[in-house]
Amino acid sequence: MATRKNDLLEQEHKTPESLKAAVSDMTPLESGTDSEAEIRPVDDAGEGGMDLNELLGSMNDDMPGDDSLDPSENELPEEDDPRKPTNIPDHAAAPPDGAEEPALTEETPVKPKRASRKKKAEEMPPFKPEPPTAEDSVPGSTDSSSVLEIDDPMPADTPEPDEFTADVPGASPSPVMPSAPFRSNAPVLTIRSREDVTTNEERDDIIWHEIRNAYRTRRILTGKLGGIEQLDNRKTIAIVDYKGFRIIIPLKEMMIQLPRTNNEQEYNELMLRQNKILNNMLGADMDFIVKGIDSKTFSVVASRKEAMLRKRQLFYLDTDPSGAYRIYEGRIVQARVIAVAEKVIRVEVFGVETSIMARDLAWDWIGDAHERFSVGDEVLVRVQRVRRDSLEDIGIRVDIKSISQNTSLENLQKCRIQSKYVGKVTDVHKGVVYIRLSNGANAIAHSCYDYRTPGKKDEVSFAVTRLDAERGVAVGIITRIIRQNL
């Protein structure tokens, strides 16, 4: 028995050269061996292999607490290390009690005695790896890199055990498992917490859904008149921009009421006037009802006329629960400015268009309406008169200056006779010059001392000769023209 223990110790402390010679004569595994038979984790009482916990314990050379072997003497080449898992034949199993142990030969692998490491392995929790597949294992390979070391913590970038592949020379590399799929439906990462951000595609989908819903329910939408186009068949259409979508409205659906004529020359003049009105309406807000849509090309055809007729029916012909009209004489309503000229503006009052002259815009004289009003503005007007003949024949007259307070007399008190003030010419009619002074008062001049003739928007020096409190104007003379508007 002592001789056998000495032989085992000598075999365990062999030098790398002698052990390499002993291992090189071992019979290699056949290429046709089943891959599942290379490493067979069995129980301690089973046959055909060593305990898996003992095998994993023998794989770690740096485990503390092992005093039986010197670490410097245990460093062996990877290809000659006898402690790596091999396919152990059945005749190499431990003999039963009482039987003689067979002599060591070159064909019989030596099972070293690792009592202290077995104790360490038993203290470790049981390790139950998944059975290897044919792609993950290479027949005849005993490279220690094919087995994970469980004592050292796994790095963050190390793949999972089922994705780890042995690096064996001559073996075909196994396919690398793809990483986690990209979440294309993940929400947008916002700067501020719990804030919703809408992309351009989502915004377009929401707007298109709104248009489709308005087409089914015949709801009135509002957009801006963005252009006037003439088609190849010489027909004119209006283009309304609704939140980035192109809305097409035929000219006959714009409800521009012009007198009918049978004369070709008059008809051409009316068409020119109609185009001029449309050009002045560019940028104005337009109500429309969707009449047709095309989901493939995202084309929309609408009608402004139908939307205006519906508003007329609701606000001019129908009554409220008390039996009164919603729009009546003396009521202040809100209107849209759809066109602006020098002395007049055009507004839409709930489906009915009307014009407001410059004298009804403000108490002080206005030289150019563009200075105070623009297309697309919303103003308050007072209804002066309403005519309700039929749905398509409704007329209305409104003004703006009656809403504000008359300050003509207050501004007139700021003027003194024989005093001079700076003013701006607002109009010239039949030799009479109308001036708005810098203090806000209205003035009239019948003569001019300057050799030049005053014109609109000229800056002049005005001398007051008389105050007309009844009309609320100052009467005087233009002494000179400070600056002409050329």
Protein backbone atom coordinates (compact mmCIF):
# COMPACT_ATOMS: atom_id res chain seq x y z
CA MET A 1 0.00 0.00 0.00
CA ALA A 2 2.86 2.40 0.82
CA THR A 3 4.44 1.66 -2.56
CA ARG A 4 1.22 2.52 -4.34
CA LYS A 5 0.89 5.84 -2.53
CA ASN A 6 4.47 6.72 -3.41
CA ASP A 7 3.76 5.96 -7.06
CA LEU A 8 0.73 8.23 -7.00
CA LEU A 9 2.68 11.08 -5.42
CA GLU A 10 5.44 10.70 -7.96
CA GLN A 11 2.91 10.66 -10.75
CA GLU A 12 1.27 13.79 -9.34
CA HIS A 13 4.57 15.74 -9.08
CA LYS A 14 5.87 14.80 -12.48
CA THR A 15 7.66 17.42 -14.49
CA PRO A 16 5.86 18.82 -17.55
CA GLU A 17 8.21 17.04 -19.97
CA SER A 18 7.65 13.60 -18.55
CA LEU A 19 3.93 14.10 -18.21
CA LYS A 20 3.71 15.36 -21.78
CA ALA A 21 5.30 12.18 -22.98
CA ALA A 22 2.85 10.14 -20.97
CA VAL A 23 -0.18 12.02 -22.24
CA SER A 24 0.95 12.11 -25.86
CA ASP A 25 0.68 8.33 -26.05
CA MET A 26 -2.93 8.37 -24.97
CA THR A 27 -5.46 7.26 -27.55
CA PRO A 28 -7.36 10.34 -28.89
CA LEU A 29 -11.08 10.39 -29.14
CA GLU A 30 -12.57 9.38 -32.40
CA SER A 31 -14.11 12.07 -34.54
CA GLY A 32 -17.37 10.21 -34.62
CA THR A 33 -17.82 10.22 -30.84
CA ASP A 34 -21.07 11.66 -29.66
CA SER A 35 -20.59 15.26 -28.43
CA GLU A 36 -22.75 14.63 -25.40
CA ALA A 37 -20.28 12.00 -24.13
CA GLU A 38 -17.34 14.40 -23.86
CA ILE A 39 -18.34 15.84 -20.50
CA ARG A 40 -20.85 13.80 -18.59
CA PRO A 41 -21.88 15.26 -15.26
CA VAL A 42 -22.88 12.30 -13.08
CA ASP A 43 -23.43 11.73 -9.40
CA ASP A 44 -20.75 10.56 -7.00
CA ALA A 45 -22.20 7.06 -6.97
CA GLY A 46 -22.49 6.84 -10.77
CA GLU A 47 -20.01 5.19 -13.09
CA GLY A 48 -18.12 6.50 -16.08
CA GLY A 49 -16.77 9.81 -14.70
CA MET A 50 -15.77 11.95 -11.74
CA ASP A 51 -17.97 14.24 -9.68
CA LEU A 52 -18.86 17.57 -11.40
CA ASN A 53 -18.25 19.61 -8.26
CA GLU A 54 -14.85 17.94 -7.87
CA LEU A 55 -14.13 18.62 -11.54
CA LEU A 56 -15.01 22.30 -11.21
CA GLY A 57 -12.93 22.53 -8.04
CA SER A 58 -9.91 21.04 -9.80
CA MET A 59 -10.24 23.62 -12.63
CA ASN A 60 -9.32 26.56 -10.36
CA ASP A 61 -5.61 26.60 -9.57
CA ASP A 62 -5.80 29.77 -7.45
CA MET A 63 -8.33 28.57 -4.87
CA PRO A 64 -7.10 29.55 -1.36
CA GLY A 65 -6.81 27.01 1.44
CA ASP A 66 -4.98 24.24 -0.51
CA ASP A 67 -1.68 23.48 1.22
CA SER A 68 -1.10 20.05 -0.25
CA LEU A 69 0.41 21.34 -3.51
CA ASP A 70 2.75 24.17 -4.36
CA PRO A 71 1.18 26.50 -6.98
CA SER A 72 4.48 26.88 -8.75
CA GLU A 73 4.77 23.14 -9.22
CA ASN A 74 1.21 22.80 -10.50
CA GLU A 75 1.59 25.15 -13.49
CA LEU A 76 1.38 22.86 -16.50
CA PRO A 77 0.89 23.63 -20.18
CA GLU A 78 -2.75 23.85 -21.21
CA GLU A 79 -2.50 21.02 -23.66
CA ASP A 80 -0.74 18.67 -21.12
CA ASP A 81 -2.78 19.39 -18.03
CA PRO A 82 -4.12 16.01 -16.78
CA ARG A 83 -6.76 17.73 -14.67
CA LYS A 84 -8.84 18.82 -17.65
CA PRO A 85 -12.09 17.00 -18.37
CA THR A 86 -11.58 13.98 -20.63
CA ASN A 87 -13.67 11.13 -21.75
CA ILE A 88 -12.76 8.59 -19.06
CA PRO A 89 -13.40 4.97 -20.09
CA ASP A 90 -15.41 2.60 -17.94
CA HIS A 91 -12.39 0.44 -16.96
CA ALA A 92 -10.73 3.49 -15.39
CA ALA A 93 -13.37 3.75 -12.66
CA ALA A 94 -12.34 3.28 -9.05
CA PRO A 95 -12.10 -0.46 -8.09
CA PRO A 96 -14.43 -1.82 -5.43
CA ASP A 97 -13.28 -2.28 -1.88
CA GLY A 98 -10.94 -5.21 -1.41
CA ALA A 99 -9.85 -5.50 -5.03
CA GLU A 100 -6.37 -4.85 -6.23
CA GLU A 101 -5.78 -1.62 -8.02
CA PRO A 102 -4.53 -2.10 -11.57
CA ALA A 103 -1.03 -1.04 -12.41
CA LEU A 104 -0.50 2.31 -14.07
CA THR A 105 0.07 2.10 -17.79
CA GLU A 106 0.35 4.64 -20.56
CA GLU A 107 -3.19 3.91 -21.78
CA THR A 108 -4.79 4.39 -18.38
CA PRO A 109 -5.30 8.04 -17.32
CA VAL A 110 -4.26 8.85 -13.81
CA LYS A 111 -6.79 10.28 -11.42
CA PRO A 112 -4.87 12.48 -8.97
CA LYS A 113 -5.82 12.58 -5.35
CA ARG A 114 -7.33 15.98 -4.52
CA ALA A 115 -8.81 15.51 -1.11
CA SER A 116 -8.52 19.14 0.00
CA ARG A 117 -9.99 20.50 -3.25
CA LYS A 118 -12.88 18.09 -3.02
CA LYS A 119 -13.79 19.51 0.33
CA LYS A 120 -13.74 22.99 -1.13
CA ALA A 121 -15.90 21.87 -4.04
CA GLU A 122 -18.41 20.27 -1.69
CA GLU A 123 -18.75 23.51 0.21
CA MET A 124 -19.64 25.33 -3.00
CA PRO A 125 -23.30 25.45 -4.16
CA PRO A 126 -24.21 22.79 -6.71
CA PHE A 127 -23.66 23.90 -10.28
CA LYS A 128 -26.10 22.60 -12.87
CA PRO A 129 -25.09 23.70 -16.34
CA GLU A 130 -27.22 23.09 -19.38
CA PRO A 131 -26.17 20.04 -21.40
CA PRO A 132 -23.81 21.01 -24.23
CA THR A 133 -24.99 20.81 -27.80
CA ALA A 134 -23.19 19.59 -30.88
CA GLU A 135 -22.42 23.17 -31.97
CA ASP A 136 -21.00 24.25 -28.60
CA SER A 137 -18.60 21.28 -28.16
CA VAL A 138 -15.81 20.01 -30.37
CA PRO A 139 -14.99 16.27 -30.32
CA GLY A 140 -11.59 15.53 -28.85
CA SER A 141 -11.09 19.01 -27.39
CA THR A 142 -9.89 19.29 -23.80
CA ASP A 143 -9.10 23.02 -23.83
CA SER A 144 -9.85 24.55 -20.45
CA SER A 145 -11.21 27.68 -22.14
CA SER A 146 -14.40 25.75 -22.97
CA VAL A 147 -15.37 25.70 -19.27
CA LEU A 148 -16.23 28.83 -17.29
CA GLU A 149 -14.46 29.59 -14.05
CA ILE A 150 -17.12 30.14 -11.44
CA ASP A 151 -14.94 31.59 -8.66
CA ASP A 152 -14.11 34.84 -10.45
CA PRO A 153 -16.94 37.35 -11.03
CA MET A 154 -18.13 37.47 -14.62
CA PRO A 155 -17.36 40.78 -16.41
CA ALA A 156 -20.24 42.90 -17.59
CA ASP A 157 -19.40 42.36 -21.25
CA THR A 158 -18.96 38.57 -20.96
CA PRO A 159 -21.68 36.66 -22.86
CA GLU A 160 -23.98 34.19 -21.18
CA PRO A 161 -22.70 30.62 -20.68
CA ASP A 162 -24.89 29.29 -23.50
CA GLU A 163 -23.34 31.82 -25.87
CA PHE A 164 -19.73 31.11 -24.85
CA THR A 165 -17.84 29.13 -27.45
CA ALA A 166 -14.59 27.19 -27.10
CA ASP A 167 -11.66 28.51 -29.12
CA VAL A 168 -10.21 25.32 -30.58
CA PRO A 169 -7.70 25.39 -33.43
CA GLY A 170 -9.11 23.85 -36.57
CA ALA A 171 -12.69 23.96 -35.35
CA SER A 172 -15.31 25.98 -37.18
CA PRO A 173 -16.46 28.99 -35.13
CA SER A 174 -19.97 28.74 -33.80
CA PRO A 175 -22.39 31.50 -34.75
CA VAL A 176 -22.54 34.42 -32.33
CA MET A 177 -25.95 34.99 -30.85
CA PRO A 178 -27.41 38.43 -31.76
CA SER A 179 -27.81 41.04 -29.07
CA ALA A 180 -31.13 42.27 -27.75
CA PRO A 181 -33.36 43.68 -30.51
CA PHE A 182 -33.64 47.45 -30.88
CA ARG A 183 -36.90 48.83 -29.47
CA SER A 184 -38.26 50.87 -32.33
CA ASN A 185 -41.42 51.71 -30.39
CA ALA A 186 -39.57 53.20 -27.43
CA PRO A 187 -40.75 56.69 -26.43
CA VAL A 188 -38.66 59.76 -27.13
CA LEU A 189 -36.16 60.54 -24.38
CA THR A 190 -37.06 64.07 -23.28
CA ILE A 191 -35.00 66.67 -21.46
CA ARG A 192 -37.70 67.41 -18.91
CA SER A 193 -39.24 64.55 -16.99
CA ARG A 194 -42.69 63.29 -18.02
CA GLU A 195 -42.91 65.53 -21.05
CA ASP A 196 -44.48 64.28 -24.26
CA VAL A 197 -42.78 64.97 -27.59
CA THR A 198 -44.52 64.43 -30.91
CA THR A 199 -42.47 63.63 -34.00
CA ASN A 200 -43.32 64.97 -37.44
CA GLU A 201 -44.71 61.63 -38.58
CA GLU A 202 -46.96 61.35 -35.54
CA ARG A 203 -48.11 64.93 -36.01
CA ASP A 204 -49.01 64.29 -39.68
CA ASP A 205 -50.91 61.15 -38.73
CA ILE A 206 -52.92 63.06 -36.12
CA ILE A 207 -53.79 65.87 -38.54
CA TRP A 208 -54.74 63.45 -41.32
CA HIS A 209 -56.96 61.56 -38.89
CA GLU A 210 -58.61 64.87 -38.01
CA ILE A 211 -59.27 65.61 -41.68
CA ARG A 212 -60.76 62.17 -42.24
CA ASN A 213 -62.95 62.56 -39.18
CA ALA A 214 -64.12 65.98 -40.40
CA TYR A 215 -64.94 64.44 -43.80
CA ARG A 216 -67.20 61.84 -42.18
CA THR A 217 -68.91 64.24 -39.76
CA ARG A 218 -69.04 67.26 -42.13
CA ARG A 219 -67.40 69.43 -39.48
CA ILE A 220 -66.19 72.93 -40.38
CA LEU A 221 -62.40 73.38 -40.46
CA THR A 222 -60.42 76.62 -40.72
CA GLY A 223 -57.21 77.22 -42.68
CA LYS A 224 -55.30 80.02 -44.37
CA LEU A 225 -55.62 80.90 -48.03
CA GLY A 226 -52.13 80.11 -49.26
CA GLY A 227 -52.31 80.47 -53.04
CA ILE A 228 -54.23 80.86 -56.28
CA GLU A 229 -53.43 78.41 -59.07
CA GLN A 230 -54.58 77.99 -62.64
CA LEU A 231 -54.87 74.45 -63.96
CA ASP A 232 -54.09 73.22 -67.46
CA ASN A 233 -57.77 73.47 -68.39
CA ARG A 234 -57.63 77.22 -67.52
CA LYS A 235 -59.69 76.77 -64.38
CA THR A 236 -58.68 78.64 -61.24
CA ILE A 237 -58.48 76.99 -57.84
CA ALA A 238 -57.71 78.27 -54.36
CA ILE A 239 -55.17 76.50 -52.16
CA VAL A 240 -55.84 76.52 -48.42
CA ASP A 241 -53.16 75.43 -46.01
CA TYR A 242 -54.51 73.41 -43.09
CA LYS A 243 -51.72 72.52 -40.64
CA GLY A 244 -49.35 71.63 -43.47
CA PHE A 245 -51.89 69.81 -45.69
CA ARG A 246 -52.96 71.15 -49.09
CA ILE A 247 -56.70 71.77 -49.40
CA ILE A 248 -58.06 72.46 -52.91
CA ILE A 249 -61.16 74.68 -53.26
CA PRO A 250 -62.60 75.34 -56.75
CA LEU A 251 -63.29 78.97 -57.59
CA LYS A 252 -67.05 78.48 -57.74
CA GLU A 253 -66.94 77.10 -54.17
CA MET A 254 -65.21 80.24 -52.83
CA MET A 255 -68.55 82.12 -52.77
CA ILE A 256 -67.35 85.38 -54.27
CA GLN A 257 -70.64 87.00 -55.23
CA LEU A 258 -70.39 89.01 -58.44
CA PRO A 259 -73.20 90.09 -60.79
CA ARG A 260 -73.99 87.72 -63.61
CA THR A 261 -73.62 88.82 -67.24
CA ASN A 262 -73.99 87.35 -70.70
CA ASN A 263 -71.62 89.75 -72.40
CA GLU A 264 -68.18 88.26 -73.08
CA GLN A 265 -66.34 91.52 -72.44
CA GLU A 266 -68.11 92.08 -69.13
CA TYR A 267 -67.47 88.48 -68.21
CA ASN A 268 -63.72 88.92 -68.74
CA GLU A 269 -63.79 92.05 -66.60
CA LEU A 270 -65.62 90.19 -63.86
CA MET A 271 -63.05 87.40 -63.94
CA LEU A 272 -60.23 89.91 -63.59
CA ARG A 273 -62.02 91.50 -60.67
CA GLN A 274 -62.58 88.11 -59.11
CA ASN A 275 -58.88 87.23 -59.36
CA LYS A 276 -58.00 90.61 -57.89
CA ILE A 277 -60.28 89.95 -54.92
CA LEU A 278 -58.66 86.53 -54.40
CA ASN A 279 -55.18 88.06 -54.54
CA ASN A 280 -56.16 90.54 -51.83
CA MET A 281 -57.50 87.67 -49.72
CA LEU A 282 -54.20 85.79 -49.62
CA GLY A 283 -53.32 85.00 -46.01
CA ALA A 284 -56.91 85.25 -44.76
CA ASP A 285 -58.59 82.60 -42.61
CA MET A 286 -61.04 80.43 -44.53
CA ASP A 287 -63.76 78.12 -43.26
CA PHE A 288 -64.35 75.00 -45.36
CA ILE A 289 -66.03 71.63 -45.32
CA VAL A 290 -64.17 68.62 -46.73
CA LYS A 291 -65.96 67.16 -49.73
CA GLY A 292 -63.52 64.40 -50.74
CA ILE A 293 -60.19 62.88 -49.74
CA ASP A 294 -57.60 60.56 -51.28
CA SER A 295 -55.61 58.61 -48.69
CA LYS A 296 -52.96 57.49 -51.21
CA THR A 297 -51.94 60.96 -52.38
CA PHE A 298 -53.21 62.82 -49.28
CA SER A 299 -55.30 65.11 -51.49
CA VAL A 300 -58.30 66.98 -50.11
CA VAL A 301 -61.07 68.84 -51.96
CA ALA A 302 -63.27 71.19 -49.93
CA SER A 303 -65.97 73.85 -50.26
CA ARG A 304 -66.00 77.27 -48.59
CA LYS A 305 -69.50 77.99 -49.86
CA GLU A 306 -71.07 75.12 -47.94
CA ALA A 307 -69.36 76.20 -44.71
CA MET A 308 -70.57 79.81 -45.12
CA LEU A 309 -74.13 78.74 -45.86
CA ARG A 310 -74.19 76.60 -42.74
CA LYS A 311 -72.99 79.54 -40.63
CA ARG A 312 -75.61 81.80 -42.19
CA GLN A 313 -78.35 79.38 -41.33
CA LEU A 314 -77.19 79.09 -37.74
CA PHE A 315 -76.43 82.75 -36.91
CA TYR A 316 -78.80 84.73 -39.16
CA LEU A 317 -81.90 82.59 -39.74
CA ASP A 318 -82.14 80.25 -36.76
CA THR A 319 -83.07 81.58 -33.34
CA ASP A 320 -81.74 80.84 -29.88
CA PRO A 321 -83.89 79.25 -27.10
CA SER A 322 -85.30 82.70 -26.25
CA GLY A 323 -86.58 83.17 -29.81
CA ALA A 324 -84.15 85.95 -30.85
CA TYR A 325 -81.66 85.99 -33.68
CA ARG A 326 -78.03 85.52 -32.74
CA ILE A 327 -76.95 88.48 -34.90
CA TYR A 328 -79.12 91.61 -34.75
CA GLU A 329 -78.78 95.42 -34.96
CA GLY A 330 -76.60 96.93 -32.28
CA ARG A 331 -74.82 93.71 -31.25
CA ILE A 332 -71.03 93.65 -31.06
CA VAL A 333 -69.59 90.61 -32.83
CA GLN A 334 -66.16 89.44 -33.88
CA ALA A 335 -65.14 89.53 -37.53
CA ARG A 336 -62.19 88.40 -39.66
CA VAL A 337 -60.28 90.81 -41.87
CA ILE A 338 -60.00 89.06 -45.26
CA ALA A 339 -58.81 91.98 -47.45
CA VAL A 340 -57.28 95.42 -46.91
CA ALA A 341 -57.14 98.38 -49.32
CA GLU A 342 -56.08 101.97 -48.84
CA LYS A 343 -59.49 103.38 -47.87
CA VAL A 344 -61.51 100.25 -47.16
CA ILE A 345 -61.23 96.84 -45.50
CA ARG A 346 -63.32 93.73 -46.12
CA VAL A 347 -64.44 91.53 -43.24
CA GLU A 348 -66.33 88.28 -42.85
CA VAL A 349 -69.00 88.21 -40.17
CA PHE A 350 -70.11 84.58 -39.60
CA GLY A 351 -70.47 83.63 -43.24
CA VAL A 352 -71.37 87.06 -44.63
CA GLU A 353 -68.79 89.37 -46.24
CA THR A 354 -69.03 93.15 -46.08
CA SER A 355 -66.82 96.21 -46.57
CA ILE A 356 -66.00 98.97 -44.06
CA MET A 357 -65.01 102.39 -45.36
CA ALA A 358 -62.17 104.41 -43.86
CA ARG A 359 -64.55 106.91 -42.24
CA ASP A 360 -66.10 104.07 -40.22
CA LEU A 361 -62.79 102.59 -39.06
CA ALA A 362 -61.74 105.18 -36.46
CA TRP A 363 -62.61 108.65 -35.12
CA ASP A 364 -59.34 110.14 -36.31
CA TRP A 365 -58.62 110.33 -39.99
CA ILE A 366 -56.77 107.36 -41.52
CA GLY A 367 -54.62 107.96 -44.58
CA ASP A 368 -53.98 104.27 -45.32
CA ALA A 369 -55.83 101.33 -43.79
CA HIS A 370 -52.69 99.19 -44.10
CA GLU A 371 -51.19 101.16 -41.23
CA ARG A 372 -53.69 99.73 -38.74
CA PHE A 373 -55.18 96.58 -40.25
CA SER A 374 -53.77 93.49 -41.90
CA VAL A 375 -55.21 90.41 -43.56
CA GLY A 376 -55.86 87.73 -40.95
CA ASP A 377 -56.66 90.12 -38.08
CA GLU A 378 -59.71 89.60 -35.90
CA VAL A 379 -61.55 92.81 -35.01
CA LEU A 380 -64.68 93.76 -33.04
CA VAL A 381 -67.47 95.38 -35.06
CA ARG A 382 -70.91 96.70 -34.24
CA VAL A 383 -73.81 95.56 -36.42
CA GLN A 384 -75.66 98.57 -37.85
CA ARG A 385 -78.13 96.86 -40.18
CA VAL A 386 -79.04 93.28 -41.21
CA ARG A 387 -81.01 92.14 -44.25
CA ARG A 388 -82.40 88.59 -44.21
CA ASP A 389 -84.07 87.88 -47.55
CA SER A 390 -82.93 84.28 -48.11
CA LEU A 391 -80.09 81.96 -47.27
CA GLU A 392 -78.00 83.13 -50.22
CA ASP A 393 -79.15 86.75 -50.02
CA ILE A 394 -78.11 88.13 -46.66
CA GLY A 395 -76.58 91.58 -46.24
CA ILE A 396 -75.00 93.28 -43.24
CA ARG A 397 -73.50 96.69 -42.44
CA VAL A 398 -70.98 97.13 -39.63
CA ASP A 399 -68.51 99.72 -38.32
CA ILE A 400 -65.56 99.76 -35.93
CA LYS A 401 -65.32 103.34 -34.63
CA SER A 402 -68.63 103.16 -32.74
CA ILE A 403 -67.10 100.62 -30.36
CA SER A 404 -64.34 103.02 -29.25
CA GLN A 405 -64.81 106.34 -27.48
CA ASN A 406 -64.86 109.57 -29.50
CA THR A 407 -61.71 111.50 -28.57
CA SER A 408 -61.94 114.20 -31.24
CA LEU A 409 -63.02 116.94 -28.82
CA GLU A 410 -60.40 115.99 -26.26
CA ASN A 411 -57.63 116.15 -28.84
CA LEU A 412 -59.02 119.40 -30.23
CA GLN A 413 -58.60 121.06 -26.81
CA LYS A 414 -54.85 120.41 -27.08
CA CYS A 415 -54.60 122.90 -29.96
CA ARG A 416 -54.16 126.67 -29.55
CA ILE A 417 -54.94 129.37 -32.06
CA GLN A 418 -51.91 130.88 -33.83
CA SER A 419 -49.85 127.83 -32.84
CA LYS A 420 -47.99 125.53 -35.20
CA TYR A 421 -48.04 121.75 -35.13
CA VAL A 422 -46.59 118.91 -37.18
CA GLY A 423 -49.06 116.80 -39.07
CA LYS A 424 -49.37 114.14 -41.78
CA VAL A 425 -51.52 114.54 -44.87
CA THR A 426 -54.16 111.81 -45.02
CA ASP A 427 -56.02 112.88 -48.14
CA VAL A 428 -56.39 115.64 -50.72
CA HIS A 429 -59.87 116.18 -52.21
CA LYS A 430 -60.96 119.11 -54.44
CA GLY A 431 -58.15 121.32 -53.19
CA VAL A 432 -58.86 120.63 -49.53
CA VAL A 433 -56.02 119.00 -47.57
CA TYR A 434 -56.94 116.71 -44.67
CA ILE A 435 -54.30 116.42 -41.96
CA ARG A 436 -53.90 114.37 -38.80
CA LEU A 437 -51.83 116.35 -36.31
CA SER A 438 -49.22 114.81 -34.06
CA ASN A 439 -51.39 115.41 -30.96
CA GLY A 440 -54.21 113.32 -32.51
CA ALA A 441 -56.48 116.14 -33.67
CA ASN A 442 -57.99 116.34 -37.15
CA ALA A 443 -57.21 119.44 -39.23
CA ILE A 444 -58.25 120.98 -42.54
CA ALA A 445 -56.12 123.31 -44.67
CA HIS A 446 -57.49 125.31 -47.60
CA SER A 447 -54.16 126.92 -48.63
CA CYS A 448 -50.41 126.24 -48.60
CA TYR A 449 -47.54 128.73 -48.38
CA ASP A 450 -45.04 126.27 -49.82
CA TYR A 451 -44.34 126.43 -53.56
CA ARG A 452 -44.79 122.64 -53.71
CA THR A 453 -48.17 120.95 -53.75
CA PRO A 454 -48.85 118.76 -50.72
CA GLY A 455 -49.72 115.15 -51.33
CA LYS A 456 -50.74 112.06 -49.37
CA LYS A 457 -48.43 110.99 -46.53
CA ASP A 458 -46.44 114.23 -46.69
CA GLU A 459 -45.20 115.62 -43.41
CA VAL A 460 -46.19 119.30 -43.10
CA SER A 461 -46.17 122.24 -40.69
CA PHE A 462 -49.73 123.40 -39.84
CA ALA A 463 -50.70 126.74 -38.30
CA VAL A 464 -54.10 126.81 -36.47
CA THR A 465 -56.34 129.76 -37.32
CA ARG A 466 -59.69 128.50 -35.97
CA LEU A 467 -61.17 125.65 -33.90
CA ASP A 468 -64.47 124.11 -35.10
CA ALA A 469 -65.89 122.38 -32.02
CA GLU A 470 -69.09 121.34 -33.81
CA ARG A 471 -67.23 119.26 -36.38
CA GLY A 472 -64.29 118.51 -34.10
CA VAL A 473 -61.59 119.81 -36.47
CA ALA A 474 -58.96 122.52 -36.50
CA VAL A 475 -58.87 124.91 -39.45
CA GLY A 476 -55.61 126.49 -40.57
CA ILE A 477 -52.84 126.91 -43.17
CA ILE A 478 -49.92 124.73 -44.28
CA THR A 479 -46.84 126.90 -43.78
CA ARG A 480 -44.35 124.53 -45.39
CA ILE A 481 -43.79 120.90 -46.37
CA ILE A 482 -41.29 119.30 -44.04
CA ARG A 483 -40.83 116.09 -46.01
CA GLN A 484 -42.51 114.82 -49.10
CA ASN A 485 -43.52 111.21 -49.63
CA LEU A 486 -42.10 110.56 -53.11
